[in-house]
Amino acid sequence: MTEKSMTERKTWKEFRESGLLWFINTTLHMFGWAMVIDVDEDGNTTEGYPARCKFRGFDEKSTSKGYEKVTKYLQENISDLVKDLGK
């Protein structure tokens, strides 16, 4: 009997495009922190790291775009999220 893997590696690009990087940073900004993802001119991730920051949130346009991305991610993945609960 094999144990089901509890993790599945994903790319930084997928994480950014899902809106989850923005979502996590909305919380981290409260504490003066951020997750920073550096990308090259082709959109490839070159580095990712935590950083202290002076940001305390995002502008209205970024916030609206972030919520749209996270909502789309949830819409496209809700079945898998429910399955992960084993119910």
C-alpha atoms as a PDB file:
ATOM      1  CA  MET A   1       0.000   0.000   0.000  1.00  0.00           C
ATOM      2  CA  THR A   2       1.432   3.406  -0.977  1.00  0.00           C
ATOM      3  CA  GLU A   3       0.875   6.572   0.991  1.00  0.00           C
ATOM      4  CA  LYS A   4      -0.681   9.442  -0.952  1.00  0.00           C
ATOM      5  CA  SER A   5       1.734  12.347  -1.309  1.00  0.00           C
ATOM      6  CA  MET A   6       0.709  15.297   0.824  1.00  0.00           C
ATOM      7  CA  THR A   7       2.405  17.853  -1.433  1.00  0.00           C
ATOM      8  CA  GLU A   8       2.656  18.603  -5.134  1.00  0.00           C
ATOM      9  CA  ARG A   9       5.379  20.928  -6.342  1.00  0.00           C
ATOM     10  CA  LYS A  10       4.116  23.938  -8.281  1.00  0.00           C
ATOM     11  CA  THR A  11       5.874  26.818 -10.037  1.00  0.00           C
ATOM     12  CA  TRP A  12       6.260  30.355  -8.786  1.00  0.00           C
ATOM     13  CA  LYS A  13       4.560  31.443 -12.018  1.00  0.00           C
ATOM     14  CA  GLU A  14       1.444  29.421 -11.208  1.00  0.00           C
ATOM     15  CA  PHE A  15       1.446  30.783  -7.651  1.00  0.00           C
ATOM     16  CA  ARG A  16       1.685  34.379  -8.924  1.00  0.00           C
ATOM     17  CA  GLU A  17      -0.958  33.895 -11.616  1.00  0.00           C
ATOM     18  CA  SER A  18      -3.417  32.356  -9.141  1.00  0.00           C
ATOM     19  CA  GLY A  19      -3.418  35.571  -7.116  1.00  0.00           C
ATOM     20  CA  LEU A  20      -2.168  33.711  -4.054  1.00  0.00           C
ATOM     21  CA  LEU A  21       1.119  35.648  -3.866  1.00  0.00           C
ATOM     22  CA  TRP A  22      -0.906  38.881  -3.746  1.00  0.00           C
ATOM     23  CA  PHE A  23      -3.257  37.358  -1.159  1.00  0.00           C
ATOM     24  CA  ILE A  24      -0.409  36.254   1.121  1.00  0.00           C
ATOM     25  CA  ASN A  25       1.293  39.628   0.776  1.00  0.00           C
ATOM     26  CA  THR A  26      -1.881  41.452   1.832  1.00  0.00           C
ATOM     27  CA  THR A  27      -1.466  39.766   5.215  1.00  0.00           C
ATOM     28  CA  LEU A  28       2.332  40.006   5.380  1.00  0.00           C
ATOM     29  CA  HIS A  29       2.221  43.760   4.691  1.00  0.00           C
ATOM     30  CA  MET A  30       0.443  44.232   8.010  1.00  0.00           C
ATOM     31  CA  PHE A  31       3.660  43.081   9.704  1.00  0.00           C
ATOM     32  CA  GLY A  32       6.044  44.925   7.383  1.00  0.00           C
ATOM     33  CA  TRP A  33       6.947  41.802   5.406  1.00  0.00           C
ATOM     34  CA  ALA A  34       6.470  40.583   1.836  1.00  0.00           C
ATOM     35  CA  MET A  35       7.262  37.581  -0.306  1.00  0.00           C
ATOM     36  CA  VAL A  36       9.258  38.893  -3.264  1.00  0.00           C
ATOM     37  CA  ILE A  37       9.456  37.030  -6.556  1.00  0.00           C
ATOM     38  CA  ASP A  38      11.998  38.379  -9.039  1.00  0.00           C
ATOM     39  CA  VAL A  39      11.281  37.655 -12.696  1.00  0.00           C
ATOM     40  CA  ASP A  40      13.355  38.253 -15.796  1.00  0.00           C
ATOM     41  CA  GLU A  41      12.211  39.996 -18.969  1.00  0.00           C
ATOM     42  CA  ASP A  42      10.725  36.696 -20.229  1.00  0.00           C
ATOM     43  CA  GLY A  43       8.625  36.239 -17.097  1.00  0.00           C
ATOM     44  CA  ASN A  44      10.798  33.454 -15.657  1.00  0.00           C
ATOM     45  CA  THR A  45      11.322  33.427 -11.899  1.00  0.00           C
ATOM     46  CA  THR A  46      14.933  34.111 -11.014  1.00  0.00           C
ATOM     47  CA  GLU A  47      14.601  34.254  -7.229  1.00  0.00           C
ATOM     48  CA  GLY A  48      12.052  34.211  -4.419  1.00  0.00           C
ATOM     49  CA  TYR A  49      12.638  35.436  -0.891  1.00  0.00           C
ATOM     50  CA  PRO A  50      10.985  37.051   2.133  1.00  0.00           C
ATOM     51  CA  ALA A  51      11.732  40.745   2.674  1.00  0.00           C
ATOM     52  CA  ARG A  52      11.015  43.507   5.132  1.00  0.00           C
ATOM     53  CA  CYS A  53       8.960  46.210   3.451  1.00  0.00           C
ATOM     54  CA  LYS A  54       7.307  49.569   4.031  1.00  0.00           C
ATOM     55  CA  PHE A  55       4.194  48.572   2.070  1.00  0.00           C
ATOM     56  CA  ARG A  56       0.928  48.411   3.972  1.00  0.00           C
ATOM     57  CA  GLY A  57      -1.414  47.122   1.307  1.00  0.00           C
ATOM     58  CA  PHE A  58      -2.133  47.548  -2.377  1.00  0.00           C
ATOM     59  CA  ASP A  59      -3.875  50.170  -4.473  1.00  0.00           C
ATOM     60  CA  GLU A  60      -7.508  49.689  -5.491  1.00  0.00           C
ATOM     61  CA  LYS A  61      -6.706  48.439  -9.016  1.00  0.00           C
ATOM     62  CA  SER A  62      -4.251  45.796  -7.733  1.00  0.00           C
ATOM     63  CA  THR A  63      -6.685  44.739  -5.021  1.00  0.00           C
ATOM     64  CA  SER A  64      -9.543  44.277  -7.485  1.00  0.00           C
ATOM     65  CA  LYS A  65      -7.298  42.312  -9.849  1.00  0.00           C
ATOM     66  CA  GLY A  66      -6.039  40.175  -6.952  1.00  0.00           C
ATOM     67  CA  TYR A  67      -9.537  39.290  -5.785  1.00  0.00           C
ATOM     68  CA  GLU A  68     -10.539  38.418  -9.358  1.00  0.00           C
ATOM     69  CA  LYS A  69      -7.551  36.058  -9.699  1.00  0.00           C
ATOM     70  CA  VAL A  70      -8.166  34.364  -6.346  1.00  0.00           C
ATOM     71  CA  THR A  71     -11.885  33.965  -7.117  1.00  0.00           C
ATOM     72  CA  LYS A  72     -11.065  32.424 -10.507  1.00  0.00           C
ATOM     73  CA  TYR A  73      -8.560  30.079  -8.836  1.00  0.00           C
ATOM     74  CA  LEU A  74     -11.194  28.957  -6.321  1.00  0.00           C
ATOM     75  CA  GLN A  75     -13.789  28.478  -9.063  1.00  0.00           C
ATOM     76  CA  GLU A  76     -11.416  26.301 -11.098  1.00  0.00           C
ATOM     77  CA  ASN A  77     -10.091  24.283  -8.139  1.00  0.00           C
ATOM     78  CA  ILE A  78     -12.951  23.923  -5.669  1.00  0.00           C
ATOM     79  CA  SER A  79     -13.624  20.281  -6.574  1.00  0.00           C
ATOM     80  CA  ASP A  80     -10.011  19.311  -5.857  1.00  0.00           C
ATOM     81  CA  LEU A  81      -9.976  21.338  -2.627  1.00  0.00           C
ATOM     82  CA  VAL A  82     -13.077  19.493  -1.409  1.00  0.00           C
ATOM     83  CA  LYS A  83     -11.563  16.115  -2.433  1.00  0.00           C
ATOM     84  CA  ASP A  84      -8.431  16.971  -0.440  1.00  0.00           C
ATOM     85  CA  LEU A  85     -10.631  17.098   2.653  1.00  0.00           C
ATOM     86  CA  GLY A  86     -11.531  13.469   2.064  1.00  0.00           C
ATOM     87  CA  LYS A  87     -15.253  14.160   2.034  1.00  0.00           C
END
